[in-house]
Amino acid sequence: MIINDPLHLAPAIREALETVFDPEIPVNILELGLVYELVTKEGGTAKVVMTLTAPGCPVAGDIIDEVQRKVGAVEGVEQALVELTFDPPWDKSMMTDVARLELGFM
């Protein structure tokens, strides 16, 4: 994950993102490797660039809404933006070792 964090909010934002799970996979979106970039800017804007495990994910809107809500609740964040991308496409190699172990891929 790329982090550009002049406001020093990344640790709190990461903690919030660790509570967001793909409903079909019992692992948080950070461990799954779904978050590609985190940027904070003057004025309290936090932007999360993320993907999904599949472009046709039926709960995509729910996950994006949850990310926006939880990041927006972090102290110091005035505006939370979520950008969805499929470039690069997600694959299992993007998961952390913890996620691979939990899902039985190791």
PDB file of N, CA and C in Angstrom:
ATOM      1  N   MET A   1       0.840  -1.170   0.000  1.00  0.00           N
ATOM      2  CA  MET A   1       0.000   0.000   0.000  1.00  0.00           C
ATOM      3  C   MET A   1       0.886   1.234   0.000  1.00  0.00           C
ATOM      4  N   ILE A   2       0.507   2.204  -0.790  1.00  0.00           N
ATOM      5  CA  ILE A   2       1.205   3.482  -0.860  1.00  0.00           C
ATOM      6  C   ILE A   2       0.540   4.426   0.132  1.00  0.00           C
ATOM      7  N   ILE A   3       1.342   5.087   0.952  1.00  0.00           N
ATOM      8  CA  ILE A   3       0.802   6.018   1.933  1.00  0.00           C
ATOM      9  C   ILE A   3       1.454   7.377   1.737  1.00  0.00           C
ATOM     10  N   ASN A   4       0.630   8.406   1.556  1.00  0.00           N
ATOM     11  CA  ASN A   4       1.065   9.794   1.513  1.00  0.00           C
ATOM     12  C   ASN A   4       0.257  10.486   2.604  1.00  0.00           C
ATOM     13  N   ASP A   5       0.866  10.753   3.745  1.00  0.00           N
ATOM     14  CA  ASP A   5       0.124  11.121   4.940  1.00  0.00           C
ATOM     15  C   ASP A   5       0.703  12.318   5.673  1.00  0.00           C
ATOM     16  N   PRO A   6       0.632  13.520   5.079  1.00  0.00           N
ATOM     17  CA  PRO A   6       1.186  14.687   5.778  1.00  0.00           C
ATOM     18  C   PRO A   6       0.431  15.034   7.066  1.00  0.00           C
ATOM     19  N   LEU A   7      -0.790  14.552   7.242  1.00  0.00           N
ATOM     20  CA  LEU A   7      -1.557  14.845   8.456  1.00  0.00           C
ATOM     21  C   LEU A   7      -1.316  13.819   9.557  1.00  0.00           C
ATOM     22  N   HIS A   8      -0.566  12.772   9.255  1.00  0.00           N
ATOM     23  CA  HIS A   8      -0.228  11.724  10.228  1.00  0.00           C
ATOM     24  C   HIS A   8      -1.465  11.018  10.781  1.00  0.00           C
ATOM     25  N   LEU A   9      -2.427  10.780   9.910  1.00  0.00           N
ATOM     26  CA  LEU A   9      -3.651  10.085  10.292  1.00  0.00           C
ATOM     27  C   LEU A   9      -3.640   8.617   9.879  1.00  0.00           C
ATOM     28  N   ALA A  10      -2.617   8.196   9.152  1.00  0.00           N
ATOM     29  CA  ALA A  10      -2.592   6.828   8.615  1.00  0.00           C
ATOM     30  C   ALA A  10      -2.755   5.748   9.679  1.00  0.00           C
ATOM     31  N   PRO A  11      -2.089   5.829  10.826  1.00  0.00           N
ATOM     32  CA  PRO A  11      -2.281   4.755  11.816  1.00  0.00           C
ATOM     33  C   PRO A  11      -3.742   4.607  12.255  1.00  0.00           C
ATOM     34  N   ALA A  12      -4.412   5.716  12.497  1.00  0.00           N
ATOM     35  CA  ALA A  12      -5.818   5.653  12.915  1.00  0.00           C
ATOM     36  C   ALA A  12      -6.705   5.186  11.769  1.00  0.00           C
ATOM     37  N   ILE A  13      -6.401   5.602  10.552  1.00  0.00           N
ATOM     38  CA  ILE A  13      -7.193   5.176   9.400  1.00  0.00           C
ATOM     39  C   ILE A  13      -6.989   3.685   9.159  1.00  0.00           C
ATOM     40  N   ARG A  14      -5.756   3.228   9.265  1.00  0.00           N
ATOM     41  CA  ARG A  14      -5.492   1.793   9.105  1.00  0.00           C
ATOM     42  C   ARG A  14      -6.265   0.987  10.148  1.00  0.00           C
ATOM     43  N   GLU A  15      -6.288   1.480  11.372  1.00  0.00           N
ATOM     44  CA  GLU A  15      -7.031   0.802  12.432  1.00  0.00           C
ATOM     45  C   GLU A  15      -8.521   0.716  12.072  1.00  0.00           C
ATOM     46  N   ALA A  16      -9.057   1.780  11.521  1.00  0.00           N
ATOM     47  CA  ALA A  16     -10.464   1.771  11.094  1.00  0.00           C
ATOM     48  C   ALA A  16     -10.681   0.773   9.951  1.00  0.00           C
ATOM     49  N   LEU A  17      -9.741   0.740   9.009  1.00  0.00           N
ATOM     50  CA  LEU A  17      -9.881  -0.158   7.861  1.00  0.00           C
ATOM     51  C   LEU A  17      -9.756  -1.628   8.266  1.00  0.00           C
ATOM     52  N   GLU A  18      -9.060  -1.894   9.353  1.00  0.00           N
ATOM     53  CA  GLU A  18      -8.933  -3.272   9.845  1.00  0.00           C
ATOM     54  C   GLU A  18     -10.262  -3.832  10.338  1.00  0.00           C
ATOM     55  N   THR A  19     -11.272  -2.974  10.474  1.00  0.00           N
ATOM     56  CA  THR A  19     -12.592  -3.428  10.916  1.00  0.00           C
ATOM     57  C   THR A  19     -13.562  -3.612   9.757  1.00  0.00           C
ATOM     58  N   VAL A  20     -13.070  -3.436   8.532  1.00  0.00           N
ATOM     59  CA  VAL A  20     -13.912  -3.602   7.338  1.00  0.00           C
ATOM     60  C   VAL A  20     -13.580  -4.950   6.706  1.00  0.00           C
ATOM     61  N   PHE A  21     -14.597  -5.774   6.571  1.00  0.00           N
ATOM     62  CA  PHE A  21     -14.419  -7.124   6.026  1.00  0.00           C
ATOM     63  C   PHE A  21     -15.237  -7.303   4.763  1.00  0.00           C
ATOM     64  N   ASP A  22     -14.696  -8.046   3.825  1.00  0.00           N
ATOM     65  CA  ASP A  22     -15.475  -8.508   2.682  1.00  0.00           C
ATOM     66  C   ASP A  22     -16.459  -9.518   3.256  1.00  0.00           C
ATOM     67  N   PRO A  23     -17.763  -9.330   3.067  1.00  0.00           N
ATOM     68  CA  PRO A  23     -18.739 -10.228   3.688  1.00  0.00           C
ATOM     69  C   PRO A  23     -18.591 -11.701   3.289  1.00  0.00           C
ATOM     70  N   GLU A  24     -17.957 -11.955   2.151  1.00  0.00           N
ATOM     71  CA  GLU A  24     -17.811 -13.329   1.684  1.00  0.00           C
ATOM     72  C   GLU A  24     -16.509 -13.976   2.149  1.00  0.00           C
ATOM     73  N   ILE A  25     -15.588 -13.154   2.700  1.00  0.00           N
ATOM     74  CA  ILE A  25     -14.277 -13.656   3.113  1.00  0.00           C
ATOM     75  C   ILE A  25     -14.002 -13.122   4.520  1.00  0.00           C
ATOM     76  N   PRO A  26     -13.730 -13.971   5.488  1.00  0.00           N
ATOM     77  CA  PRO A  26     -13.574 -13.520   6.878  1.00  0.00           C
ATOM     78  C   PRO A  26     -12.213 -12.897   7.192  1.00  0.00           C
ATOM     79  N   VAL A  27     -11.762 -11.988   6.327  1.00  0.00           N
ATOM     80  CA  VAL A  27     -10.473 -11.319   6.499  1.00  0.00           C
ATOM     81  C   VAL A  27     -10.689  -9.845   6.173  1.00  0.00           C
ATOM     82  N   ASN A  28     -10.013  -8.944   6.912  1.00  0.00           N
ATOM     83  CA  ASN A  28     -10.234  -7.518   6.658  1.00  0.00           C
ATOM     84  C   ASN A  28      -9.603  -7.087   5.324  1.00  0.00           C
ATOM     85  N   ILE A  29     -10.059  -5.941   4.838  1.00  0.00           N
ATOM     86  CA  ILE A  29      -9.655  -5.493   3.500  1.00  0.00           C
ATOM     87  C   ILE A  29      -8.176  -5.144   3.404  1.00  0.00           C
ATOM     88  N   LEU A  30      -7.535  -4.775   4.518  1.00  0.00           N
ATOM     89  CA  LEU A  30      -6.086  -4.525   4.477  1.00  0.00           C
ATOM     90  C   LEU A  30      -5.322  -5.828   4.290  1.00  0.00           C
ATOM     91  N   GLU A  31      -5.681  -6.854   5.070  1.00  0.00           N
ATOM     92  CA  GLU A  31      -5.014  -8.152   4.958  1.00  0.00           C
ATOM     93  C   GLU A  31      -5.255  -8.787   3.585  1.00  0.00           C
ATOM     94  N   LEU A  32      -6.422  -8.512   3.004  1.00  0.00           N
ATOM     95  CA  LEU A  32      -6.718  -9.046   1.673  1.00  0.00           C
ATOM     96  C   LEU A  32      -5.932  -8.329   0.576  1.00  0.00           C
ATOM     97  N   GLY A  33      -5.382  -7.170   0.894  1.00  0.00           N
ATOM     98  CA  GLY A  33      -4.635  -6.411  -0.109  1.00  0.00           C
ATOM     99  C   GLY A  33      -5.535  -5.591  -1.010  1.00  0.00           C
ATOM    100  N   LEU A  34      -6.715  -5.242  -0.526  1.00  0.00           N
ATOM    101  CA  LEU A  34      -7.667  -4.489  -1.349  1.00  0.00           C
ATOM    102  C   LEU A  34      -7.418  -2.989  -1.323  1.00  0.00           C
ATOM    103  N   VAL A  35      -6.652  -2.511  -0.351  1.00  0.00           N
ATOM    104  CA  VAL A  35      -6.359  -1.077  -0.269  1.00  0.00           C
ATOM    105  C   VAL A  35      -5.012  -0.825  -0.936  1.00  0.00           C
ATOM    106  N   TYR A  36      -5.046  -0.020  -1.987  1.00  0.00           N
ATOM    107  CA  TYR A  36      -3.839   0.263  -2.753  1.00  0.00           C
ATOM    108  C   TYR A  36      -3.129   1.535  -2.303  1.00  0.00           C
ATOM    109  N   GLU A  37      -3.914   2.522  -1.861  1.00  0.00           N
ATOM    110  CA  GLU A  37      -3.310   3.816  -1.548  1.00  0.00           C
ATOM    111  C   GLU A  37      -4.135   4.535  -0.485  1.00  0.00           C
ATOM    112  N   LEU A  38      -3.435   5.265   0.369  1.00  0.00           N
ATOM    113  CA  LEU A  38      -4.060   6.104   1.384  1.00  0.00           C
ATOM    114  C   LEU A  38      -3.384   7.458   1.332  1.00  0.00           C
ATOM    115  N   VAL A  39      -4.178   8.509   1.148  1.00  0.00           N
ATOM    116  CA  VAL A  39      -3.646   9.864   1.030  1.00  0.00           C
ATOM    117  C   VAL A  39      -4.430  10.774   1.968  1.00  0.00           C
ATOM    118  N   THR A  40      -3.717  11.600   2.739  1.00  0.00           N
ATOM    119  CA  THR A  40      -4.378  12.640   3.512  1.00  0.00           C
ATOM    120  C   THR A  40      -3.892  13.986   3.002  1.00  0.00           C
ATOM    121  N   LYS A  41      -4.790  14.969   3.097  1.00  0.00           N
ATOM    122  CA  LYS A  41      -4.462  16.309   2.597  1.00  0.00           C
ATOM    123  C   LYS A  41      -4.913  17.357   3.600  1.00  0.00           C
ATOM    124  N   GLU A  42      -4.318  18.538   3.470  1.00  0.00           N
ATOM    125  CA  GLU A  42      -4.705  19.671   4.310  1.00  0.00           C
ATOM    126  C   GLU A  42      -6.214  19.835   4.267  1.00  0.00           C
ATOM    127  N   GLY A  43      -6.768  20.241   5.362  1.00  0.00           N
ATOM    128  CA  GLY A  43      -8.217  20.396   5.446  1.00  0.00           C
ATOM    129  C   GLY A  43      -8.904  19.140   5.947  1.00  0.00           C
ATOM    130  N   GLY A  44      -8.127  18.075   6.163  1.00  0.00           N
ATOM    131  CA  GLY A  44      -8.693  16.863   6.734  1.00  0.00           C
ATOM    132  C   GLY A  44      -9.292  15.890   5.736  1.00  0.00           C
ATOM    133  N   THR A  45      -8.908  15.992   4.473  1.00  0.00           N
ATOM    134  CA  THR A  45      -9.402  15.042   3.479  1.00  0.00           C
ATOM    135  C   THR A  45      -8.560  13.766   3.523  1.00  0.00           C
ATOM    136  N   ALA A  46      -9.233  12.643   3.546  1.00  0.00           N
ATOM    137  CA  ALA A  46      -8.561  11.344   3.482  1.00  0.00           C
ATOM    138  C   ALA A  46      -9.131  10.595   2.288  1.00  0.00           C
ATOM    139  N   LYS A  47      -8.245  10.108   1.442  1.00  0.00           N
ATOM    140  CA  LYS A  47      -8.663   9.380   0.244  1.00  0.00           C
ATOM    141  C   LYS A  47      -8.101   7.972   0.307  1.00  0.00           C
ATOM    142  N   VAL A  48      -8.975   7.009   0.079  1.00  0.00           N
ATOM    143  CA  VAL A  48      -8.590   5.602   0.028  1.00  0.00           C
ATOM    144  C   VAL A  48      -8.824   5.116  -1.392  1.00  0.00           C
ATOM    145  N   VAL A  49      -7.773   4.609  -2.020  1.00  0.00           N
ATOM    146  CA  VAL A  49      -7.895   3.997  -3.339  1.00  0.00           C
ATOM    147  C   VAL A  49      -7.872   2.496  -3.101  1.00  0.00           C
ATOM    148  N   MET A  50      -8.918   1.828  -3.557  1.00  0.00           N
ATOM    149  CA  MET A  50      -9.043   0.407  -3.260  1.00  0.00           C
ATOM    150  C   MET A  50      -9.667  -0.344  -4.429  1.00  0.00           C
ATOM    151  N   THR A  51      -9.645  -1.645  -4.309  1.00  0.00           N
ATOM    152  CA  THR A  51     -10.246  -2.506  -5.306  1.00  0.00           C
ATOM    153  C   THR A  51     -11.139  -3.508  -4.600  1.00  0.00           C
ATOM    154  N   LEU A  52     -11.662  -4.431  -5.359  1.00  0.00           N
ATOM    155  CA  LEU A  52     -12.483  -5.518  -4.837  1.00  0.00           C
ATOM    156  C   LEU A  52     -11.903  -6.830  -5.336  1.00  0.00           C
ATOM    157  N   THR A  53     -12.294  -7.923  -4.716  1.00  0.00           N
ATOM    158  CA  THR A  53     -11.771  -9.218  -5.148  1.00  0.00           C
ATOM    159  C   THR A  53     -12.262  -9.586  -6.537  1.00  0.00           C
ATOM    160  N   ALA A  54     -13.397  -9.012  -6.950  1.00  0.00           N
ATOM    161  CA  ALA A  54     -13.940  -9.267  -8.295  1.00  0.00           C
ATOM    162  C   ALA A  54     -14.717  -8.036  -8.745  1.00  0.00           C
ATOM    163  N   PRO A  55     -14.604  -7.652 -10.028  1.00  0.00           N
ATOM    164  CA  PRO A  55     -15.326  -6.470 -10.507  1.00  0.00           C
ATOM    165  C   PRO A  55     -16.843  -6.562 -10.313  1.00  0.00           C
ATOM    166  N   GLY A  56     -17.407  -7.749 -10.379  1.00  0.00           N
ATOM    167  CA  GLY A  56     -18.844  -7.898 -10.238  1.00  0.00           C
ATOM    168  C   GLY A  56     -19.286  -8.174  -8.813  1.00  0.00           C
ATOM    169  N   CYS A  57     -18.501  -7.793  -7.843  1.00  0.00           N
ATOM    170  CA  CYS A  57     -18.801  -8.063  -6.431  1.00  0.00           C
ATOM    171  C   CYS A  57     -20.190  -7.526  -6.086  1.00  0.00           C
ATOM    172  N   PRO A  58     -21.101  -8.404  -5.628  1.00  0.00           N
ATOM    173  CA  PRO A  58     -22.472  -7.970  -5.359  1.00  0.00           C
ATOM    174  C   PRO A  58     -22.607  -7.032  -4.160  1.00  0.00           C
ATOM    175  N   VAL A  59     -21.599  -6.963  -3.301  1.00  0.00           N
ATOM    176  CA  VAL A  59     -21.670  -6.090  -2.124  1.00  0.00           C
ATOM    177  C   VAL A  59     -20.693  -4.912  -2.228  1.00  0.00           C
ATOM    178  N   ALA A  60     -20.286  -4.586  -3.445  1.00  0.00           N
ATOM    179  CA  ALA A  60     -19.314  -3.516  -3.650  1.00  0.00           C
ATOM    180  C   ALA A  60     -19.762  -2.211  -3.000  1.00  0.00           C
ATOM    181  N   GLY A  61     -21.000  -1.827  -3.216  1.00  0.00           N
ATOM    182  CA  GLY A  61     -21.510  -0.580  -2.653  1.00  0.00           C
ATOM    183  C   GLY A  61     -21.465  -0.575  -1.143  1.00  0.00           C
ATOM    184  N   ASP A  62     -21.779  -1.718  -0.534  1.00  0.00           N
ATOM    185  CA  ASP A  62     -21.760  -1.816   0.923  1.00  0.00           C
ATOM    186  C   ASP A  62     -20.353  -1.635   1.472  1.00  0.00           C
ATOM    187  N   ILE A  63     -19.379  -2.279   0.830  1.00  0.00           N
ATOM    188  CA  ILE A  63     -17.991  -2.178   1.291  1.00  0.00           C
ATOM    189  C   ILE A  63     -17.497  -0.736   1.148  1.00  0.00           C
ATOM    190  N   ILE A  64     -17.752  -0.128   0.018  1.00  0.00           N
ATOM    191  CA  ILE A  64     -17.312   1.254  -0.215  1.00  0.00           C
ATOM    192  C   ILE A  64     -17.959   2.194   0.796  1.00  0.00           C
ATOM    193  N   ASP A  65     -19.258   2.035   1.034  1.00  0.00           N
ATOM    194  CA  ASP A  65     -19.954   2.870   2.021  1.00  0.00           C
ATOM    195  C   ASP A  65     -19.356   2.692   3.412  1.00  0.00           C
ATOM    196  N   GLU A  66     -19.044   1.446   3.775  1.00  0.00           N
ATOM    197  CA  GLU A  66     -18.478   1.183   5.093  1.00  0.00           C
ATOM    198  C   GLU A  66     -17.099   1.812   5.235  1.00  0.00           C
ATOM    199  N   VAL A  67     -16.271   1.712   4.199  1.00  0.00           N
ATOM    200  CA  VAL A  67     -14.946   2.338   4.224  1.00  0.00           C
ATOM    201  C   VAL A  67     -15.102   3.845   4.393  1.00  0.00           C
ATOM    202  N   GLN A  68     -15.969   4.443   3.617  1.00  0.00           N
ATOM    203  CA  GLN A  68     -16.162   5.895   3.688  1.00  0.00           C
ATOM    204  C   GLN A  68     -16.659   6.307   5.076  1.00  0.00           C
ATOM    205  N   ARG A  69     -17.592   5.571   5.623  1.00  0.00           N
ATOM    206  CA  ARG A  69     -18.150   5.880   6.943  1.00  0.00           C
ATOM    207  C   ARG A  69     -17.085   5.746   8.047  1.00  0.00           C
ATOM    208  N   LYS A  70     -16.330   4.654   8.020  1.00  0.00           N
ATOM    209  CA  LYS A  70     -15.349   4.411   9.088  1.00  0.00           C
ATOM    210  C   LYS A  70     -14.143   5.341   8.990  1.00  0.00           C
ATOM    211  N   VAL A  71     -13.681   5.616   7.795  1.00  0.00           N
ATOM    212  CA  VAL A  71     -12.579   6.565   7.641  1.00  0.00           C
ATOM    213  C   VAL A  71     -13.058   7.963   8.032  1.00  0.00           C
ATOM    214  N   GLY A  72     -14.276   8.305   7.656  1.00  0.00           N
ATOM    215  CA  GLY A  72     -14.831   9.613   8.003  1.00  0.00           C
ATOM    216  C   GLY A  72     -15.001   9.816   9.495  1.00  0.00           C
ATOM    217  N   ALA A  73     -15.107   8.728  10.242  1.00  0.00           N
ATOM    218  CA  ALA A  73     -15.276   8.808  11.693  1.00  0.00           C
ATOM    219  C   ALA A  73     -13.946   8.974  12.444  1.00  0.00           C
ATOM    220  N   VAL A  74     -12.833   8.847  11.737  1.00  0.00           N
ATOM    221  CA  VAL A  74     -11.519   9.000  12.371  1.00  0.00           C
ATOM    222  C   VAL A  74     -11.313  10.464  12.760  1.00  0.00           C
ATOM    223  N   GLU A  75     -10.863  10.668  13.986  1.00  0.00           N
ATOM    224  CA  GLU A  75     -10.604  12.027  14.460  1.00  0.00           C
ATOM    225  C   GLU A  75      -9.566  12.703  13.567  1.00  0.00           C
ATOM    226  N   GLY A  76      -9.905  13.892  13.094  1.00  0.00           N
ATOM    227  CA  GLY A  76      -9.018  14.638  12.206  1.00  0.00           C
ATOM    228  C   GLY A  76      -9.425  14.541  10.749  1.00  0.00           C
ATOM    229  N   VAL A  77     -10.278  13.583  10.408  1.00  0.00           N
ATOM    230  CA  VAL A  77     -10.765  13.448   9.034  1.00  0.00           C
ATOM    231  C   VAL A  77     -12.055  14.252   8.901  1.00  0.00           C
ATOM    232  N   GLU A  78     -12.037  15.202   7.996  1.00  0.00           N
ATOM    233  CA  GLU A  78     -13.220  16.023   7.738  1.00  0.00           C
ATOM    234  C   GLU A  78     -14.008  15.514   6.542  1.00  0.00           C
ATOM    235  N   GLN A  79     -13.304  14.899   5.597  1.00  0.00           N
ATOM    236  CA  GLN A  79     -13.946  14.365   4.399  1.00  0.00           C
ATOM    237  C   GLN A  79     -13.244  13.070   4.012  1.00  0.00           C
ATOM    238  N   ALA A  80     -14.031  12.022   3.824  1.00  0.00           N
ATOM    239  CA  ALA A  80     -13.480  10.725   3.418  1.00  0.00           C
ATOM    240  C   ALA A  80     -13.914  10.436   1.990  1.00  0.00           C
ATOM    241  N   LEU A  81     -12.953  10.158   1.148  1.00  0.00           N
ATOM    242  CA  LEU A  81     -13.210   9.828  -0.248  1.00  0.00           C
ATOM    243  C   LEU A  81     -12.731   8.408  -0.508  1.00  0.00           C
ATOM    244  N   VAL A  82     -13.502   7.664  -1.272  1.00  0.00           N
ATOM    245  CA  VAL A  82     -13.107   6.310  -1.651  1.00  0.00           C
ATOM    246  C   VAL A  82     -13.127   6.234  -3.169  1.00  0.00           C
ATOM    247  N   GLU A  83     -11.994   5.836  -3.728  1.00  0.00           N
ATOM    248  CA  GLU A  83     -11.885   5.657  -5.174  1.00  0.00           C
ATOM    249  C   GLU A  83     -11.726   4.172  -5.446  1.00  0.00           C
ATOM    250  N   LEU A  84     -12.593   3.654  -6.283  1.00  0.00           N
ATOM    251  CA  LEU A  84     -12.544   2.248  -6.656  1.00  0.00           C
ATOM    252  C   LEU A  84     -11.785   2.103  -7.962  1.00  0.00           C
ATOM    253  N   THR A  85     -10.833   1.158  -7.987  1.00  0.00           N
ATOM    254  CA  THR A  85     -10.057   0.910  -9.198  1.00  0.00           C
ATOM    255  C   THR A  85      -9.897  -0.590  -9.392  1.00  0.00           C
ATOM    256  N   PHE A  86      -9.693  -0.972 -10.623  1.00  0.00           N
ATOM    257  CA  PHE A  86      -9.391  -2.366 -10.924  1.00  0.00           C
ATOM    258  C   PHE A  86      -8.058  -2.476 -11.665  1.00  0.00           C
ATOM    259  N   ASP A  87      -7.225  -1.446 -11.477  1.00  0.00           N
ATOM    260  CA  ASP A  87      -5.912  -1.402 -12.100  1.00  0.00           C
ATOM    261  C   ASP A  87      -4.873  -1.174 -11.014  1.00  0.00           C
ATOM    262  N   PRO A  88      -4.109  -2.141 -10.634  1.00  0.00           N
ATOM    263  CA  PRO A  88      -4.079  -3.492 -11.198  1.00  0.00           C
ATOM    264  C   PRO A  88      -5.220  -4.348 -10.638  1.00  0.00           C
ATOM    265  N   PRO A  89      -5.601  -5.361 -11.394  1.00  0.00           N
ATOM    266  CA  PRO A  89      -6.621  -6.268 -10.886  1.00  0.00           C
ATOM    267  C   PRO A  89      -6.109  -7.019  -9.665  1.00  0.00           C
ATOM    268  N   TRP A  90      -7.001  -7.235  -8.711  1.00  0.00           N
ATOM    269  CA  TRP A  90      -6.629  -7.953  -7.500  1.00  0.00           C
ATOM    270  C   TRP A  90      -6.402  -9.425  -7.806  1.00  0.00           C
ATOM    271  N   ASP A  91      -5.428 -10.027  -7.120  1.00  0.00           N
ATOM    272  CA  ASP A  91      -5.267 -11.480  -7.149  1.00  0.00           C
ATOM    273  C   ASP A  91      -4.759 -11.936  -5.786  1.00  0.00           C
ATOM    274  N   LYS A  92      -4.755 -13.213  -5.559  1.00  0.00           N
ATOM    275  CA  LYS A  92      -4.426 -13.774  -4.246  1.00  0.00           C
ATOM    276  C   LYS A  92      -3.023 -13.421  -3.769  1.00  0.00           C
ATOM    277  N   SER A  93      -2.136 -13.111  -4.689  1.00  0.00           N
ATOM    278  CA  SER A  93      -0.770 -12.772  -4.285  1.00  0.00           C
ATOM    279  C   SER A  93      -0.706 -11.449  -3.513  1.00  0.00           C
ATOM    280  N   MET A  94      -1.756 -10.658  -3.564  1.00  0.00           N
ATOM    281  CA  MET A  94      -1.790  -9.370  -2.876  1.00  0.00           C
ATOM    282  C   MET A  94      -2.149  -9.511  -1.396  1.00  0.00           C
ATOM    283  N   MET A  95      -2.587 -10.685  -0.996  1.00  0.00           N
ATOM    284  CA  MET A  95      -2.939 -10.920   0.398  1.00  0.00           C
ATOM    285  C   MET A  95      -1.677 -11.012   1.245  1.00  0.00           C
ATOM    286  N   THR A  96      -1.802 -10.637   2.512  1.00  0.00           N
ATOM    287  CA  THR A  96      -0.696 -10.805   3.443  1.00  0.00           C
ATOM    288  C   THR A  96      -0.573 -12.285   3.796  1.00  0.00           C
ATOM    289  N   ASP A  97       0.557 -12.635   4.383  1.00  0.00           N
ATOM    290  CA  ASP A  97       0.733 -14.018   4.842  1.00  0.00           C
ATOM    291  C   ASP A  97      -0.321 -14.397   5.871  1.00  0.00           C
ATOM    292  N   VAL A  98      -0.709 -13.444   6.709  1.00  0.00           N
ATOM    293  CA  VAL A  98      -1.744 -13.699   7.712  1.00  0.00           C
ATOM    294  C   VAL A  98      -3.055 -14.105   7.036  1.00  0.00           C
ATOM    295  N   ALA A  99      -3.443 -13.381   5.995  1.00  0.00           N
ATOM    296  CA  ALA A  99      -4.677 -13.693   5.276  1.00  0.00           C
ATOM    297  C   ALA A  99      -4.575 -15.041   4.587  1.00  0.00           C
ATOM    298  N   ARG A 100      -3.438 -15.298   3.937  1.00  0.00           N
ATOM    299  CA  ARG A 100      -3.265 -16.591   3.254  1.00  0.00           C
ATOM    300  C   ARG A 100      -3.355 -17.749   4.235  1.00  0.00           C
ATOM    301  N   LEU A 101      -2.759 -17.580   5.402  1.00  0.00           N
ATOM    302  CA  LEU A 101      -2.798 -18.618   6.426  1.00  0.00           C
ATOM    303  C   LEU A 101      -4.234 -18.810   6.928  1.00  0.00           C
ATOM    304  N   GLU A 102      -4.914 -17.726   7.199  1.00  0.00           N
ATOM    305  CA  GLU A 102      -6.291 -17.803   7.699  1.00  0.00           C
ATOM    306  C   GLU A 102      -7.216 -18.475   6.680  1.00  0.00           C
ATOM    307  N   LEU A 103      -6.980 -18.231   5.412  1.00  0.00           N
ATOM    308  CA  LEU A 103      -7.846 -18.795   4.368  1.00  0.00           C
ATOM    309  C   LEU A 103      -7.364 -20.149   3.852  1.00  0.00           C
ATOM    310  N   GLY A 104      -6.271 -20.673   4.437  1.00  0.00           N
ATOM    311  CA  GLY A 104      -5.793 -21.995   4.056  1.00  0.00           C
ATOM    312  C   GLY A 104      -5.000 -22.036   2.774  1.00  0.00           C
ATOM    313  N   PHE A 105      -4.408 -20.918   2.366  1.00  0.00           N
ATOM    314  CA  PHE A 105      -3.585 -20.901   1.163  1.00  0.00           C
ATOM    315  C   PHE A 105      -2.108 -21.134   1.468  1.00  0.00           C
ATOM    316  N   MET A 106      -1.761 -21.385   2.726  1.00  0.00           N
ATOM    317  CA  MET A 106      -0.365 -21.637   3.098  1.00  0.00           C
ATOM    318  C   MET A 106      -0.295 -22.941   3.848  1.00  0.00           C
TER     319      MET A 106
END
